[in-house]
């Protein structure tokens, strides 16, 4: 698997702000990979919504709708 394009420092900061006290570098790298995959899925879904509406540009509304669709399709345990 290729390394995430996201910088690790902001990912670690988000993890710490979520309450993690100690985080291994491998955990930060894995979280960055997962965040990148989530962004890609969200973007792909939003692009389909924009295309369906006859647009090329993704709007914040498309992202919101895509996020809702993803949450409905893949509910958290």
N, C-alpha and C. Protein backbone atom coordinates (compact mmCIF):
# COMPACT_ATOMS: atom_id res chain seq x y z
N UNK A 1 0.85 -1.18 0.00
CA UNK A 1 0.00 0.00 0.00
C UNK A 1 0.89 1.24 0.00
N UNK A 2 0.53 2.21 -0.83
CA UNK A 2 1.34 3.43 -0.88
C UNK A 2 1.08 4.29 0.34
N UNK A 3 2.07 5.08 0.68
CA UNK A 3 1.95 5.94 1.85
C UNK A 3 0.92 7.05 1.58
N UNK A 4 0.19 7.41 2.60
CA UNK A 4 -0.82 8.46 2.48
C UNK A 4 -0.19 9.78 2.07
N UNK A 5 -0.95 10.57 1.36
CA UNK A 5 -0.49 11.89 0.95
C UNK A 5 -0.71 12.92 2.05
N UNK A 6 -1.55 12.58 3.02
CA UNK A 6 -1.83 13.51 4.11
C UNK A 6 -0.62 13.65 5.03
N UNK A 7 -0.29 14.86 5.45
CA UNK A 7 0.80 15.03 6.41
C UNK A 7 0.43 14.37 7.74
N UNK A 8 1.40 13.76 8.38
CA UNK A 8 1.11 13.00 9.59
C UNK A 8 0.86 13.88 10.81
N UNK A 9 1.51 15.03 10.90
CA UNK A 9 1.36 15.89 12.09
C UNK A 9 -0.10 16.31 12.32
N UNK A 10 -0.82 16.78 11.29
CA UNK A 10 -2.22 17.14 11.53
C UNK A 10 -3.08 15.93 11.90
N UNK A 11 -2.77 14.77 11.32
CA UNK A 11 -3.52 13.55 11.65
C UNK A 11 -3.31 13.22 13.13
N UNK A 12 -2.06 13.27 13.57
CA UNK A 12 -1.76 13.01 14.98
C UNK A 12 -2.46 14.02 15.88
N UNK A 13 -2.48 15.28 15.47
CA UNK A 13 -3.14 16.32 16.26
C UNK A 13 -4.64 16.03 16.41
N UNK A 14 -5.27 15.62 15.32
CA UNK A 14 -6.70 15.27 15.38
C UNK A 14 -6.91 14.09 16.33
N UNK A 15 -6.04 13.11 16.27
CA UNK A 15 -6.14 11.95 17.15
C UNK A 15 -5.98 12.37 18.61
N UNK A 16 -5.03 13.25 18.88
CA UNK A 16 -4.82 13.73 20.26
C UNK A 16 -6.02 14.55 20.73
N UNK A 17 -6.57 15.39 19.84
CA UNK A 17 -7.75 16.18 20.20
C UNK A 17 -8.97 15.29 20.46
N UNK A 18 -8.95 14.08 19.90
CA UNK A 18 -10.03 13.12 20.13
C UNK A 18 -9.85 12.37 21.44
N UNK A 19 -8.73 12.62 22.12
CA UNK A 19 -8.54 12.04 23.44
C UNK A 19 -7.42 11.03 23.58
N UNK A 20 -6.69 10.74 22.50
CA UNK A 20 -5.60 9.78 22.59
C UNK A 20 -4.40 10.42 23.31
N UNK A 21 -3.89 9.73 24.31
CA UNK A 21 -2.72 10.22 25.04
C UNK A 21 -1.41 9.76 24.41
N UNK A 22 -1.38 8.48 24.05
CA UNK A 22 -0.17 7.90 23.45
C UNK A 22 -0.57 7.26 22.14
N UNK A 23 0.20 7.56 21.08
CA UNK A 23 -0.12 7.05 19.75
C UNK A 23 1.17 6.63 19.07
N UNK A 24 1.21 5.40 18.58
CA UNK A 24 2.40 4.96 17.86
C UNK A 24 2.41 5.59 16.47
N UNK A 25 3.59 5.70 15.89
CA UNK A 25 3.70 6.27 14.55
C UNK A 25 2.97 5.40 13.54
N UNK A 26 2.97 4.07 13.77
CA UNK A 26 2.23 3.18 12.88
C UNK A 26 0.73 3.46 12.93
N UNK A 27 0.23 3.79 14.12
CA UNK A 27 -1.19 4.12 14.26
C UNK A 27 -1.52 5.41 13.51
N UNK A 28 -0.64 6.39 13.60
CA UNK A 28 -0.85 7.66 12.89
C UNK A 28 -0.84 7.42 11.39
N UNK A 29 0.11 6.62 10.91
CA UNK A 29 0.19 6.32 9.48
C UNK A 29 -1.06 5.60 9.00
N UNK A 30 -1.52 4.64 9.80
CA UNK A 30 -2.73 3.88 9.43
C UNK A 30 -3.95 4.78 9.43
N UNK A 31 -4.05 5.68 10.41
CA UNK A 31 -5.17 6.62 10.45
C UNK A 31 -5.14 7.54 9.23
N UNK A 32 -3.95 7.97 8.82
CA UNK A 32 -3.82 8.82 7.63
C UNK A 32 -4.27 8.06 6.38
N UNK A 33 -3.88 6.79 6.28
CA UNK A 33 -4.32 5.97 5.14
C UNK A 33 -5.84 5.85 5.11
N UNK A 34 -6.43 5.58 6.27
CA UNK A 34 -7.89 5.43 6.36
C UNK A 34 -8.60 6.75 6.05
N UNK A 35 -8.06 7.85 6.54
CA UNK A 35 -8.65 9.16 6.27
C UNK A 35 -8.61 9.45 4.77
N UNK A 36 -7.51 9.12 4.14
CA UNK A 36 -7.38 9.34 2.70
C UNK A 36 -8.39 8.50 1.93
N UNK A 37 -8.57 7.25 2.32
CA UNK A 37 -9.57 6.39 1.67
C UNK A 37 -10.97 6.96 1.85
N UNK A 38 -11.25 7.47 3.03
CA UNK A 38 -12.56 8.06 3.30
C UNK A 38 -12.79 9.29 2.43
N UNK A 39 -11.77 10.13 2.30
CA UNK A 39 -11.88 11.32 1.46
C UNK A 39 -12.11 10.92 0.00
N UNK A 40 -11.42 9.89 -0.46
CA UNK A 40 -11.59 9.43 -1.84
C UNK A 40 -13.00 8.92 -2.07
N UNK A 41 -13.52 8.10 -1.14
CA UNK A 41 -14.89 7.58 -1.29
C UNK A 41 -15.91 8.71 -1.27
N UNK A 42 -15.71 9.66 -0.38
CA UNK A 42 -16.60 10.81 -0.27
C UNK A 42 -16.58 11.63 -1.56
N UNK A 43 -15.40 11.85 -2.11
CA UNK A 43 -15.27 12.61 -3.35
C UNK A 43 -15.91 11.89 -4.52
N UNK A 44 -15.69 10.58 -4.62
CA UNK A 44 -16.29 9.81 -5.71
C UNK A 44 -17.81 9.88 -5.65
N UNK A 45 -18.37 9.74 -4.46
CA UNK A 45 -19.82 9.81 -4.28
C UNK A 45 -20.33 11.21 -4.62
N UNK A 46 -19.64 12.24 -4.15
CA UNK A 46 -20.04 13.62 -4.43
C UNK A 46 -19.96 13.92 -5.92
N UNK A 47 -18.96 13.37 -6.60
CA UNK A 47 -18.84 13.59 -8.05
C UNK A 47 -20.01 12.96 -8.78
N UNK A 48 -20.44 11.77 -8.34
CA UNK A 48 -21.62 11.14 -8.95
C UNK A 48 -22.86 12.00 -8.76
N UNK A 49 -23.00 12.60 -7.58
CA UNK A 49 -24.15 13.48 -7.31
C UNK A 49 -24.10 14.70 -8.23
N UNK A 50 -22.94 15.32 -8.34
CA UNK A 50 -22.80 16.49 -9.22
C UNK A 50 -23.11 16.12 -10.67
N UNK A 51 -22.57 15.00 -11.12
CA UNK A 51 -22.82 14.55 -12.49
C UNK A 51 -24.30 14.30 -12.73
N UNK A 52 -24.95 13.67 -11.76
CA UNK A 52 -26.39 13.39 -11.87
C UNK A 52 -27.18 14.69 -12.05
N UNK A 53 -26.71 15.75 -11.38
CA UNK A 53 -27.38 17.05 -11.46
C UNK A 53 -26.89 17.89 -12.64
N UNK A 54 -26.07 17.30 -13.51
CA UNK A 54 -25.60 17.99 -14.71
C UNK A 54 -24.50 19.01 -14.45
N UNK A 55 -23.74 18.81 -13.36
CA UNK A 55 -22.66 19.74 -13.02
C UNK A 55 -21.33 19.01 -13.02
N UNK A 56 -20.26 19.77 -13.22
CA UNK A 56 -18.91 19.22 -13.13
C UNK A 56 -18.27 19.56 -11.79
N UNK A 57 -18.75 20.61 -11.15
CA UNK A 57 -18.15 21.10 -9.91
C UNK A 57 -18.84 20.48 -8.70
N UNK A 58 -18.05 19.95 -7.78
CA UNK A 58 -18.57 19.42 -6.53
C UNK A 58 -18.81 20.60 -5.58
N UNK A 59 -19.99 20.63 -4.98
CA UNK A 59 -20.32 21.68 -4.02
C UNK A 59 -20.33 21.11 -2.60
N UNK A 60 -20.40 22.00 -1.63
CA UNK A 60 -20.47 21.54 -0.24
C UNK A 60 -21.74 20.72 -0.02
N UNK A 61 -22.81 21.05 -0.73
CA UNK A 61 -24.06 20.28 -0.63
C UNK A 61 -23.82 18.84 -1.11
N UNK A 62 -23.05 18.68 -2.19
CA UNK A 62 -22.73 17.34 -2.69
C UNK A 62 -21.97 16.53 -1.64
N UNK A 63 -21.03 17.18 -0.98
CA UNK A 63 -20.26 16.50 0.07
C UNK A 63 -21.18 16.09 1.21
N UNK A 64 -22.08 16.99 1.61
CA UNK A 64 -23.02 16.68 2.68
C UNK A 64 -23.90 15.49 2.31
N UNK A 65 -24.45 15.51 1.11
CA UNK A 65 -25.30 14.40 0.66
C UNK A 65 -24.51 13.10 0.56
N UNK A 66 -23.31 13.18 0.02
CA UNK A 66 -22.47 11.99 -0.10
C UNK A 66 -22.15 11.42 1.27
N UNK A 67 -21.87 12.28 2.22
CA UNK A 67 -21.57 11.83 3.58
C UNK A 67 -22.76 11.10 4.18
N UNK A 68 -23.95 11.64 3.98
CA UNK A 68 -25.16 10.99 4.49
C UNK A 68 -25.38 9.64 3.83
N UNK A 69 -25.16 9.58 2.52
CA UNK A 69 -25.33 8.31 1.81
C UNK A 69 -24.34 7.26 2.29
N UNK A 70 -23.11 7.67 2.51
CA UNK A 70 -22.09 6.73 2.99
C UNK A 70 -22.45 6.24 4.38
N UNK A 71 -22.91 7.14 5.25
CA UNK A 71 -23.29 6.73 6.62
C UNK A 71 -24.45 5.76 6.61
N UNK A 72 -25.41 5.96 5.72
CA UNK A 72 -26.57 5.07 5.63
C UNK A 72 -26.13 3.71 5.08
N UNK A 73 -25.26 3.73 4.08
CA UNK A 73 -24.80 2.49 3.45
C UNK A 73 -23.89 1.68 4.36
N UNK A 74 -23.12 2.36 5.21
CA UNK A 74 -22.15 1.69 6.08
C UNK A 74 -22.29 2.18 7.51
N UNK A 75 -23.38 1.79 8.19
CA UNK A 75 -23.55 2.27 9.57
C UNK A 75 -22.44 1.76 10.49
N UNK A 76 -22.07 2.59 11.44
CA UNK A 76 -21.05 2.21 12.42
C UNK A 76 -21.65 1.24 13.42
N UNK A 77 -20.84 0.32 13.92
CA UNK A 77 -21.34 -0.64 14.92
C UNK A 77 -21.66 0.03 16.24
